[in-house]
Amino acid sequence: MLDDLVALGESTGKSREELEEAVSRDPGNAGLHYYLGAALSEEEKYSEAVEHFKKALEREPGRINAKRMLAIALTEIGRGDEAVAVAREVSESDPD
């Protein structure tokens, strides 16, 4: 079921509330944290999104899309220096 929520979260815009519930049931799931961060970003709740992107990366450090989204969210909340550092990590690990 959680895999279904993750897939739906990316393709159909599963509601933030449903993703929050899924994260509460499975807090170790990096994918759920990533998708919740993305949903929060869409709502322009960047500070909250940052926390979920960071949790996704704690669980799966190689998740490039989470690093990209984290850099964007950090920029949006005025933490440009941190955003640049994360963007450098992305470019070093995925030069394309």
C-alpha atoms as a PDB file:
ATOM      1  CA  MET A   1       0.000   0.000   0.000  1.00  0.00           C
ATOM      2  CA  LEU A   2       2.781   2.479   0.832  1.00  0.00           C
ATOM      3  CA  ASP A   3       4.402   1.860  -2.539  1.00  0.00           C
ATOM      4  CA  ASP A   4       1.057   2.733  -4.107  1.00  0.00           C
ATOM      5  CA  LEU A   5       0.926   5.983  -2.129  1.00  0.00           C
ATOM      6  CA  VAL A   6       4.420   6.877  -3.252  1.00  0.00           C
ATOM      7  CA  ALA A   7       3.573   6.216  -6.893  1.00  0.00           C
ATOM      8  CA  LEU A   8       0.298   8.117  -6.618  1.00  0.00           C
ATOM      9  CA  GLY A   9       1.982  10.986  -4.812  1.00  0.00           C
ATOM     10  CA  GLU A  10       4.270  11.566  -7.753  1.00  0.00           C
ATOM     11  CA  SER A  11       1.843  11.001 -10.613  1.00  0.00           C
ATOM     12  CA  THR A  12      -1.509  12.289  -9.359  1.00  0.00           C
ATOM     13  CA  GLY A  13      -0.682  14.846  -6.688  1.00  0.00           C
ATOM     14  CA  LYS A  14      -1.764  12.753  -3.700  1.00  0.00           C
ATOM     15  CA  SER A  15      -2.830  15.095  -0.992  1.00  0.00           C
ATOM     16  CA  ARG A  16      -0.370  16.344   1.563  1.00  0.00           C
ATOM     17  CA  GLU A  17      -2.601  15.018   4.319  1.00  0.00           C
ATOM     18  CA  GLU A  18      -2.493  11.499   2.902  1.00  0.00           C
ATOM     19  CA  LEU A  19       1.270  11.665   2.569  1.00  0.00           C
ATOM     20  CA  GLU A  20       1.604  12.969   6.146  1.00  0.00           C
ATOM     21  CA  GLU A  21      -0.456  10.013   7.340  1.00  0.00           C
ATOM     22  CA  ALA A  22       1.715   7.604   5.350  1.00  0.00           C
ATOM     23  CA  VAL A  23       4.896   9.150   6.817  1.00  0.00           C
ATOM     24  CA  SER A  24       3.496   8.783  10.330  1.00  0.00           C
ATOM     25  CA  ARG A  25       2.933   5.072   9.650  1.00  0.00           C
ATOM     26  CA  ASP A  26       6.333   4.563   8.023  1.00  0.00           C
ATOM     27  CA  PRO A  27       8.729   7.312   9.179  1.00  0.00           C
ATOM     28  CA  GLY A  28      11.764   5.482   7.832  1.00  0.00           C
ATOM     29  CA  ASN A  29      10.558   5.561   4.242  1.00  0.00           C
ATOM     30  CA  ALA A  30      12.773   7.966   2.294  1.00  0.00           C
ATOM     31  CA  GLY A  31      10.419   8.033  -0.683  1.00  0.00           C
ATOM     32  CA  LEU A  32       7.480   9.156   1.416  1.00  0.00           C
ATOM     33  CA  HIS A  33       9.537  11.960   2.952  1.00  0.00           C
ATOM     34  CA  TYR A  34      10.639  13.034  -0.521  1.00  0.00           C
ATOM     35  CA  TYR A  35       7.074  13.111  -1.890  1.00  0.00           C
ATOM     36  CA  LEU A  36       5.778  14.910   1.192  1.00  0.00           C
ATOM     37  CA  GLY A  37       8.549  17.484   0.751  1.00  0.00           C
ATOM     38  CA  ALA A  38       7.512  17.914  -2.877  1.00  0.00           C
ATOM     39  CA  ALA A  39       3.858  18.341  -1.894  1.00  0.00           C
ATOM     40  CA  LEU A  40       4.809  20.936   0.716  1.00  0.00           C
ATOM     41  CA  SER A  41       6.928  22.761  -1.865  1.00  0.00           C
ATOM     42  CA  GLU A  42       3.941  22.926  -4.191  1.00  0.00           C
ATOM     43  CA  GLU A  43       2.059  24.618  -1.350  1.00  0.00           C
ATOM     44  CA  GLU A  44       5.029  26.984  -0.876  1.00  0.00           C
ATOM     45  CA  LYS A  45       5.672  25.586   2.615  1.00  0.00           C
ATOM     46  CA  TYR A  46       9.385  25.496   1.987  1.00  0.00           C
ATOM     47  CA  SER A  47      10.607  25.356   5.592  1.00  0.00           C
ATOM     48  CA  GLU A  48       8.587  22.211   6.207  1.00  0.00           C
ATOM     49  CA  ALA A  49       9.662  20.801   2.846  1.00  0.00           C
ATOM     50  CA  VAL A  50      13.327  21.268   3.782  1.00  0.00           C
ATOM     51  CA  GLU A  51      12.863  19.066   6.840  1.00  0.00           C
ATOM     52  CA  HIS A  52      11.346  16.244   4.793  1.00  0.00           C
ATOM     53  CA  PHE A  53      13.963  16.444   2.037  1.00  0.00           C
ATOM     54  CA  LYS A  54      16.636  16.239   4.747  1.00  0.00           C
ATOM     55  CA  LYS A  55      14.930  13.204   6.286  1.00  0.00           C
ATOM     56  CA  ALA A  56      14.783  11.543   2.873  1.00  0.00           C
ATOM     57  CA  LEU A  57      18.501  12.185   2.427  1.00  0.00           C
ATOM     58  CA  GLU A  58      19.353  10.884   5.906  1.00  0.00           C
ATOM     59  CA  ARG A  59      17.775   7.590   4.884  1.00  0.00           C
ATOM     60  CA  GLU A  60      18.997   7.557   1.272  1.00  0.00           C
ATOM     61  CA  PRO A  61      21.945   9.947   0.807  1.00  0.00           C
ATOM     62  CA  GLY A  62      22.236   9.241  -2.910  1.00  0.00           C
ATOM     63  CA  ARG A  63      18.742  10.469  -3.742  1.00  0.00           C
ATOM     64  CA  ILE A  64      19.705  13.171  -6.276  1.00  0.00           C
ATOM     65  CA  ASN A  65      16.173  14.502  -6.812  1.00  0.00           C
ATOM     66  CA  ALA A  66      15.820  15.102  -3.073  1.00  0.00           C
ATOM     67  CA  LYS A  67      19.075  17.083  -3.132  1.00  0.00           C
ATOM     68  CA  ARG A  68      17.841  19.162  -6.068  1.00  0.00           C
ATOM     69  CA  MET A  69      14.525  19.869  -4.378  1.00  0.00           C
ATOM     70  CA  LEU A  70      16.301  20.652  -1.111  1.00  0.00           C
ATOM     71  CA  ALA A  71      18.479  23.241  -2.875  1.00  0.00           C
ATOM     72  CA  ILE A  72      15.390  24.887  -4.372  1.00  0.00           C
ATOM     73  CA  ALA A  73      13.523  24.944  -1.050  1.00  0.00           C
ATOM     74  CA  LEU A  74      16.560  26.374   0.754  1.00  0.00           C
ATOM     75  CA  THR A  75      16.773  29.130  -1.854  1.00  0.00           C
ATOM     76  CA  GLU A  76      13.103  29.945  -1.383  1.00  0.00           C
ATOM     77  CA  ILE A  77      13.559  30.478   2.351  1.00  0.00           C
ATOM     78  CA  GLY A  78      16.630  32.644   1.950  1.00  0.00           C
ATOM     79  CA  ARG A  79      19.280  30.095   2.872  1.00  0.00           C
ATOM     80  CA  GLY A  80      21.300  30.626  -0.292  1.00  0.00           C
ATOM     81  CA  ASP A  81      24.671  29.539   1.090  1.00  0.00           C
ATOM     82  CA  GLU A  82      23.256  26.163   2.090  1.00  0.00           C
ATOM     83  CA  ALA A  83      21.458  25.881  -1.241  1.00  0.00           C
ATOM     84  CA  VAL A  84      24.703  26.479  -3.139  1.00  0.00           C
ATOM     85  CA  ALA A  85      26.480  23.803  -1.085  1.00  0.00           C
ATOM     86  CA  VAL A  86      23.735  21.278  -1.839  1.00  0.00           C
ATOM     87  CA  ALA A  87      23.720  22.243  -5.529  1.00  0.00           C
ATOM     88  CA  ARG A  88      27.486  21.632  -5.639  1.00  0.00           C
ATOM     89  CA  GLU A  89      26.939  18.157  -4.184  1.00  0.00           C
ATOM     90  CA  VAL A  90      24.398  17.487  -6.919  1.00  0.00           C
ATOM     91  CA  SER A  91      26.712  18.659  -9.694  1.00  0.00           C
ATOM     92  CA  GLU A  92      29.607  16.623  -8.322  1.00  0.00           C
ATOM     93  CA  SER A  93      27.565  13.436  -8.074  1.00  0.00           C
ATOM     94  CA  ASP A  94      25.471  13.940 -11.231  1.00  0.00           C
ATOM     95  CA  PRO A  95      27.247  16.244 -13.688  1.00  0.00           C
ATOM     96  CA  ASP A  96      24.441  15.957 -16.276  1.00  0.00           C
END
